[in-house]
Amino acid sequence: MKIVVLDGYTSNPGDISWKPVEELGELTVYDRTSPEDIVERAKDADVIITNKAVLTEEVLRQLPNLKFVSLLATGTNSVDLPFARSLGIAVSNAPGYSTPTVAQMTFSLMNELAFGAGLHSENVHKDGWVNSIDFCYWKKPLIEFSGKTLGIIGYGAIGRAVAKIGEAYGMNVIIHSRTKPKDINEANWRSFDEILKESDFLSLHCPLNDGNKQFINKEALSKMKPTAYLINTARGGLINEADLADALNNGRLAGAGLDVLSTEPPSSDNPMLSAKNCLITPHIAWASIDARTRLMEIEAENIKGYINGNLQNVVN
């Protein structure tokens, strides 16, 4: 069985092993594959592993040997799922592998916005403390989480993990999602407008779809406290970036912590790159070595399921 990885570098730049997958067939790994090279590289593949390399209807028509696709991600928009199904090609994703690390990254951004450990360390290394006449100083107001309200939009596995950490910090956790979970405590549930108005920190953990594209826009931001912070480790398309930059630059929002942008990599004129009080990390919330090791194990289990006729994590 021939297994082809079309874009393996971001998931495994060399610090973990492909061995779990390699043991299942003849494995070929490409770090990156341009759209025009997909068919040539995958023409003999029985199994394709892909993250961002897109398998369109046109591409799938030219891969007669292909029987199974395993995604190096939870998201599924890199494959034409209905057409793959019409060809009898099963597609599986990798759910849940990044939940702990995304929750941790959410609070990494929140902590930096609230206390500025990185900001202060940088200042100390530039002799700020050496030249201080006092034994301590701070470059920004320092904010305690305890007693603050953490709003979470999206209450899947990651949203629940973030809620648990927030509660451990002593935060008042409030929730909103597209559908109301059956197990939600009514005291924690809020409407969309209510969660905007009440949150001191608002964290997004919902998938991007046609119904919520740029739902954090000028109107939504106008309902938030000017002292509030917005966190996004979900999808960049949830936010109207021009509106967010305007709110930050004009003091209508205290700050933002973003691990995702609408286009990745961003263009140099993306308004978030020059916005005030805006932390940006390059889509790394999912990428701890622990999470990527779990991801590799899920890929192997997905392929084993295909081989054994017991498919798992099927999305089409």
Protein backbone atom coordinates (compact mmCIF):
# COMPACT_ATOMS: atom_id res chain seq x y z
CA MET A 1 0.00 0.00 0.00
CA LYS A 2 1.36 3.41 -1.02
CA ILE A 3 0.90 6.30 1.40
CA VAL A 4 1.73 9.86 0.30
CA VAL A 5 1.98 12.81 2.67
CA LEU A 6 1.51 15.96 0.60
CA ASP A 7 2.44 18.65 3.15
CA GLY A 8 4.02 17.15 6.22
CA TYR A 9 6.41 19.90 7.31
CA THR A 10 4.17 21.96 9.58
CA SER A 11 2.99 18.84 11.43
CA ASN A 12 6.44 17.28 11.55
CA PRO A 13 9.43 19.48 10.73
CA GLY A 14 11.66 16.68 11.96
CA ASP A 15 11.20 16.68 15.71
CA ILE A 16 8.80 13.71 15.84
CA SER A 17 8.70 10.41 13.97
CA TRP A 18 6.60 9.23 11.03
CA LYS A 19 7.18 5.66 12.25
CA PRO A 20 3.56 4.98 13.32
CA VAL A 21 2.45 5.68 9.73
CA GLU A 22 5.57 4.28 8.05
CA GLU A 23 4.87 0.84 9.54
CA LEU A 24 1.59 0.64 7.62
CA GLY A 25 2.84 0.91 4.04
CA GLU A 26 5.28 2.41 1.57
CA LEU A 27 5.49 6.00 2.82
CA THR A 28 6.55 9.06 0.85
CA VAL A 29 6.61 12.38 2.67
CA TYR A 30 6.71 15.77 0.97
CA ASP A 31 7.26 18.85 3.12
CA ARG A 32 5.08 20.98 0.83
CA THR A 33 3.24 20.40 -2.43
CA SER A 34 2.06 23.12 -4.82
CA PRO A 35 -1.38 22.65 -6.41
CA GLU A 36 0.12 21.85 -9.81
CA ASP A 37 2.23 19.03 -8.35
CA ILE A 38 -0.45 17.19 -6.38
CA VAL A 39 -1.57 14.83 -9.12
CA GLU A 40 1.95 13.85 -10.17
CA ARG A 41 3.03 13.15 -6.60
CA ALA A 42 -0.13 11.31 -5.60
CA LYS A 43 -1.05 9.50 -8.82
CA ASP A 44 -0.10 6.05 -7.46
CA ALA A 45 -1.23 6.61 -3.88
CA ASP A 46 -3.73 4.35 -2.16
CA VAL A 47 -3.77 6.70 0.82
CA ILE A 48 -3.16 10.45 0.94
CA ILE A 49 -2.37 12.38 4.09
CA THR A 50 -2.92 16.11 3.71
CA ASN A 51 -3.31 19.25 5.77
CA LYS A 52 -3.62 22.32 3.54
CA ALA A 53 -2.92 20.75 0.13
CA VAL A 54 -6.36 20.86 -1.47
CA LEU A 55 -7.99 17.83 -3.07
CA THR A 56 -10.55 19.33 -5.42
CA GLU A 57 -12.96 17.47 -7.69
CA GLU A 58 -10.57 18.06 -10.59
CA VAL A 59 -7.66 16.60 -8.62
CA LEU A 60 -9.62 13.62 -7.29
CA ARG A 61 -10.73 12.67 -10.82
CA GLN A 62 -7.07 12.18 -11.71
CA LEU A 63 -6.24 9.84 -8.81
CA PRO A 64 -7.77 6.48 -9.81
CA ASN A 65 -5.85 4.48 -7.18
CA LEU A 66 -6.89 6.65 -4.26
CA LYS A 67 -9.05 4.88 -1.68
CA PHE A 68 -8.60 6.83 1.55
CA VAL A 69 -7.67 10.32 2.75
CA SER A 70 -6.54 11.11 6.29
CA LEU A 71 -6.43 14.76 7.27
CA LEU A 72 -3.60 16.17 9.39
CA ALA A 73 -6.16 18.46 10.99
CA THR A 74 -9.61 18.64 12.48
CA GLY A 75 -10.88 20.98 9.76
CA THR A 76 -12.10 19.41 6.53
CA ASN A 77 -12.17 22.21 3.95
CA SER A 78 -9.10 20.92 2.09
CA VAL A 79 -11.06 18.06 0.51
CA ASP A 80 -14.18 18.07 -1.69
CA LEU A 81 -16.00 15.72 0.68
CA PRO A 82 -19.16 15.03 -1.38
CA PHE A 83 -17.19 14.25 -4.52
CA ALA A 84 -14.76 12.04 -2.62
CA ARG A 85 -17.73 10.13 -1.28
CA SER A 86 -19.20 9.74 -4.76
CA LEU A 87 -15.94 8.06 -5.78
CA GLY A 88 -16.03 5.75 -2.77
CA ILE A 89 -13.08 7.54 -1.13
CA ALA A 90 -13.47 7.78 2.64
CA VAL A 91 -12.04 10.85 4.39
CA SER A 92 -11.13 10.92 8.08
CA ASN A 93 -9.96 13.83 10.21
CA ALA A 94 -8.04 14.10 13.48
CA PRO A 95 -10.36 15.33 16.22
CA GLY A 96 -9.34 16.28 19.73
CA TYR A 97 -5.57 16.02 19.41
CA SER A 98 -4.93 19.69 20.14
CA THR A 99 -7.50 20.43 22.85
CA PRO A 100 -5.09 20.79 25.83
CA THR A 101 -2.52 22.81 23.92
CA VAL A 102 -5.04 25.24 22.38
CA ALA A 103 -6.55 25.84 25.82
CA GLN A 104 -3.04 26.49 27.17
CA MET A 105 -2.26 28.91 24.35
CA THR A 106 -5.50 30.77 25.02
CA PHE A 107 -4.27 31.55 28.51
CA SER A 108 -0.74 32.27 27.27
CA LEU A 109 -2.22 35.14 25.26
CA MET A 110 -4.46 36.19 28.13
CA ASN A 111 -1.60 36.16 30.62
CA GLU A 112 0.61 38.26 28.40
CA LEU A 113 -2.17 40.80 27.89
CA ALA A 114 -2.95 40.86 31.60
CA PHE A 115 0.56 40.86 33.10
CA GLY A 116 3.03 41.35 30.26
CA ALA A 117 5.73 38.89 31.37
CA GLY A 118 7.31 39.03 27.92
CA LEU A 119 7.02 42.81 27.76
CA HIS A 120 8.71 43.24 31.13
CA SER A 121 11.42 40.67 30.43
CA GLU A 122 12.30 42.49 27.21
CA ASN A 123 12.49 45.78 29.10
CA VAL A 124 14.72 44.29 31.81
CA HIS A 125 17.08 42.93 29.15
CA LYS A 126 17.28 46.45 27.74
CA ASP A 127 18.54 47.66 31.14
CA GLY A 128 15.19 48.99 32.32
CA TRP A 129 15.68 47.42 35.76
CA VAL A 130 19.39 48.24 35.90
CA ASN A 131 18.52 51.91 35.46
CA SER A 132 15.47 51.91 37.74
CA ILE A 133 15.62 54.00 40.94
CA ASP A 134 13.00 51.71 42.53
CA PHE A 135 13.16 48.00 43.35
CA CYS A 136 10.24 47.32 40.97
CA TYR A 137 8.24 48.98 38.20
CA TRP A 138 5.66 48.01 35.60
CA LYS A 139 5.17 49.10 32.02
CA LYS A 140 1.42 48.56 31.90
CA PRO A 141 -1.45 48.05 34.34
CA LEU A 142 -1.29 44.54 35.81
CA ILE A 143 -4.62 42.71 35.76
CA GLU A 144 -5.70 39.87 38.01
CA PHE A 145 -7.93 37.14 36.54
CA SER A 146 -9.70 36.29 39.79
CA GLY A 147 -13.16 37.84 39.81
CA LYS A 148 -13.05 38.82 36.14
CA THR A 149 -15.63 37.52 33.65
CA LEU A 150 -14.41 35.14 30.95
CA GLY A 151 -16.78 34.82 28.02
CA ILE A 152 -16.41 31.75 25.81
CA ILE A 153 -18.09 31.55 22.41
CA GLY A 154 -18.17 27.93 21.27
CA TYR A 155 -18.53 25.16 23.82
CA GLY A 156 -16.94 22.11 22.27
CA ALA A 157 -13.96 20.28 23.71
CA ILE A 158 -11.65 23.29 23.59
CA GLY A 159 -14.23 25.73 24.94
CA ARG A 160 -14.89 23.38 27.84
CA ALA A 161 -11.16 23.03 28.56
CA VAL A 162 -10.78 26.82 28.59
CA ALA A 163 -13.77 27.13 30.91
CA LYS A 164 -12.20 24.69 33.36
CA ILE A 165 -8.94 26.65 33.46
CA GLY A 166 -10.83 29.92 33.85
CA GLU A 167 -12.71 28.52 36.83
CA ALA A 168 -9.39 27.45 38.38
CA TYR A 169 -8.23 31.06 38.11
CA GLY A 170 -11.34 32.16 39.97
CA MET A 171 -12.98 33.71 36.93
CA ASN A 172 -16.71 34.02 36.37
CA VAL A 173 -17.19 31.88 33.25
CA ILE A 174 -20.07 32.60 30.87
CA ILE A 175 -20.89 30.67 27.70
CA HIS A 176 -22.51 31.18 24.31
CA SER A 177 -22.69 28.79 21.37
CA ARG A 178 -24.79 28.29 18.25
CA THR A 179 -26.78 25.52 19.93
CA LYS A 180 -27.37 25.41 23.66
CA PRO A 181 -25.65 22.37 25.23
CA LYS A 182 -28.00 20.10 27.19
CA ASP A 183 -25.60 19.97 30.13
CA ILE A 184 -25.05 23.72 30.40
CA ASN A 185 -25.63 25.38 33.76
CA GLU A 186 -28.26 28.02 33.08
CA ALA A 187 -26.40 30.44 35.30
CA ASN A 188 -23.47 30.34 32.86
CA TRP A 189 -25.47 30.71 29.64
CA ARG A 190 -25.68 34.06 27.86
CA SER A 191 -27.11 35.37 24.63
CA PHE A 192 -24.65 36.73 22.06
CA ASP A 193 -25.34 40.34 23.06
CA GLU A 194 -25.07 39.52 26.75
CA ILE A 195 -21.70 37.79 26.44
CA LEU A 196 -20.33 40.74 24.48
CA LYS A 197 -21.48 43.21 27.12
CA GLU A 198 -20.41 41.25 30.21
CA SER A 199 -17.01 39.78 29.27
CA ASP A 200 -13.72 41.16 30.54
CA PHE A 201 -12.00 38.56 28.36
CA LEU A 202 -13.87 37.15 25.36
CA SER A 203 -12.39 33.99 23.81
CA LEU A 204 -13.50 32.46 20.51
CA HIS A 205 -13.64 28.66 20.19
CA CYS A 206 -16.17 28.08 17.42
CA PRO A 207 -15.70 26.72 13.90
CA LEU A 208 -15.90 29.14 10.97
CA ASN A 209 -18.99 28.80 8.78
CA ASP A 210 -21.17 30.94 6.53
CA GLY A 211 -23.30 31.92 9.50
CA ASN A 212 -20.55 33.43 11.64
CA LYS A 213 -18.02 34.81 9.16
CA GLN A 214 -16.78 38.15 10.54
CA PHE A 215 -19.42 38.08 13.28
CA ILE A 216 -16.97 39.96 15.49
CA ASN A 217 -17.38 43.23 13.64
CA LYS A 218 -17.94 46.92 14.33
CA GLU A 219 -21.42 46.32 15.74
CA ALA A 220 -20.32 43.48 18.03
CA LEU A 221 -17.21 45.31 19.19
CA SER A 222 -19.28 48.40 20.06
CA LYS A 223 -21.13 46.30 22.64
CA MET A 224 -17.95 45.19 24.44
CA LYS A 225 -16.42 47.02 27.39
CA PRO A 226 -13.59 49.38 26.40
CA THR A 227 -11.56 47.61 29.11
CA ALA A 228 -12.19 44.16 27.57
CA TYR A 229 -9.77 41.88 25.73
CA LEU A 230 -10.55 39.67 22.72
CA ILE A 231 -8.80 36.31 22.24
CA ASN A 232 -8.95 34.24 19.06
CA THR A 233 -7.30 30.82 18.74
CA ALA A 234 -10.05 29.50 16.45
CA ARG A 235 -10.24 30.92 12.92
CA GLY A 236 -9.20 34.33 11.63
CA GLY A 237 -12.31 34.68 9.47
CA LEU A 238 -14.47 35.05 12.57
CA ILE A 239 -13.23 38.64 12.93
CA ASN A 240 -13.56 41.68 10.69
CA GLU A 241 -9.94 42.72 11.04
CA ALA A 242 -10.40 46.31 9.86
CA ASP A 243 -13.11 46.82 12.48
CA LEU A 244 -11.00 45.25 15.23
CA ALA A 245 -7.96 47.34 14.33
CA ASP A 246 -10.11 50.48 14.39
CA ALA A 247 -11.47 49.58 17.85
CA LEU A 248 -7.98 48.94 19.22
CA ASN A 249 -6.43 52.03 17.69
CA ASN A 250 -9.18 54.27 19.02
CA GLY A 251 -9.31 52.86 22.55
CA ARG A 252 -12.70 51.18 22.22
CA LEU A 253 -11.12 47.85 23.21
CA ALA A 254 -8.21 47.31 25.60
CA GLY A 255 -6.38 44.67 23.60
CA ALA A 256 -6.47 41.50 21.55
CA GLY A 257 -4.55 38.23 21.43
CA LEU A 258 -4.69 36.47 18.08
CA ASP A 259 -3.18 33.17 16.99
CA VAL A 260 -5.04 33.21 13.67
CA LEU A 261 -5.65 35.74 10.92
CA SER A 262 -8.02 35.83 7.95
CA THR A 263 -5.20 35.03 5.50
CA GLU A 264 -2.18 32.96 6.54
CA PRO A 265 0.55 33.98 6.06
CA PRO A 266 -0.85 37.54 6.20
CA SER A 267 -0.07 40.26 3.71
CA SER A 268 2.12 43.10 4.94
CA ASP A 269 -0.87 45.49 4.90
CA ASN A 270 -3.03 43.39 7.23
CA PRO A 271 -4.43 45.98 9.67
CA MET A 272 -3.80 43.75 12.68
CA LEU A 273 -0.03 43.95 12.21
CA SER A 274 -0.01 47.65 13.10
CA ALA A 275 -2.93 47.73 15.54
CA LYS A 276 -2.33 48.93 19.10
CA ASN A 277 -2.22 46.46 22.01
CA CYS A 278 -2.47 43.46 19.73
CA LEU A 279 -0.52 40.24 20.32
CA ILE A 280 -0.19 37.99 17.26
CA THR A 281 1.33 34.52 17.13
CA PRO A 282 1.71 32.52 13.87
CA HIS A 283 -1.08 29.91 14.26
CA ILE A 284 0.84 27.81 16.79
CA ALA A 285 -1.87 27.02 19.37
CA TRP A 286 -2.21 23.48 18.00
CA ALA A 287 1.50 22.82 17.53
CA SER A 288 3.00 21.60 20.80
CA ILE A 289 5.20 18.54 20.38
CA ASP A 290 2.73 16.63 22.55
CA ALA A 291 -0.24 17.55 20.34
CA ARG A 292 1.62 16.73 17.14
CA THR A 293 2.67 13.36 18.57
CA ARG A 294 -1.00 12.63 19.30
CA LEU A 295 -1.82 13.77 15.77
CA MET A 296 0.63 11.26 14.31
CA GLU A 297 -0.92 8.49 16.39
CA ILE A 298 -4.41 9.43 15.16
CA GLU A 299 -3.20 9.36 11.54
CA ALA A 300 -1.88 5.84 12.07
CA GLU A 301 -5.12 4.73 13.73
CA ASN A 302 -7.18 6.23 10.90
CA ILE A 303 -5.19 4.27 8.33
CA LYS A 304 -5.37 1.08 10.40
CA GLY A 305 -9.13 1.53 10.50
CA TYR A 306 -9.21 1.76 6.71
CA ILE A 307 -7.02 -1.33 6.34
CA ASN A 308 -9.14 -3.33 8.79
CA GLY A 309 -12.44 -2.23 7.33
CA ASN A 310 -13.32 -0.39 10.54
CA LEU A 311 -13.21 3.27 9.51
CA GLN A 312 -13.03 5.92 12.23
CA ASN A 313 -13.28 9.70 12.38
CA VAL A 314 -14.99 9.66 8.97
CA VAL A 315 -16.21 13.11 7.87
CA ASN A 316 -17.86 12.28 4.52
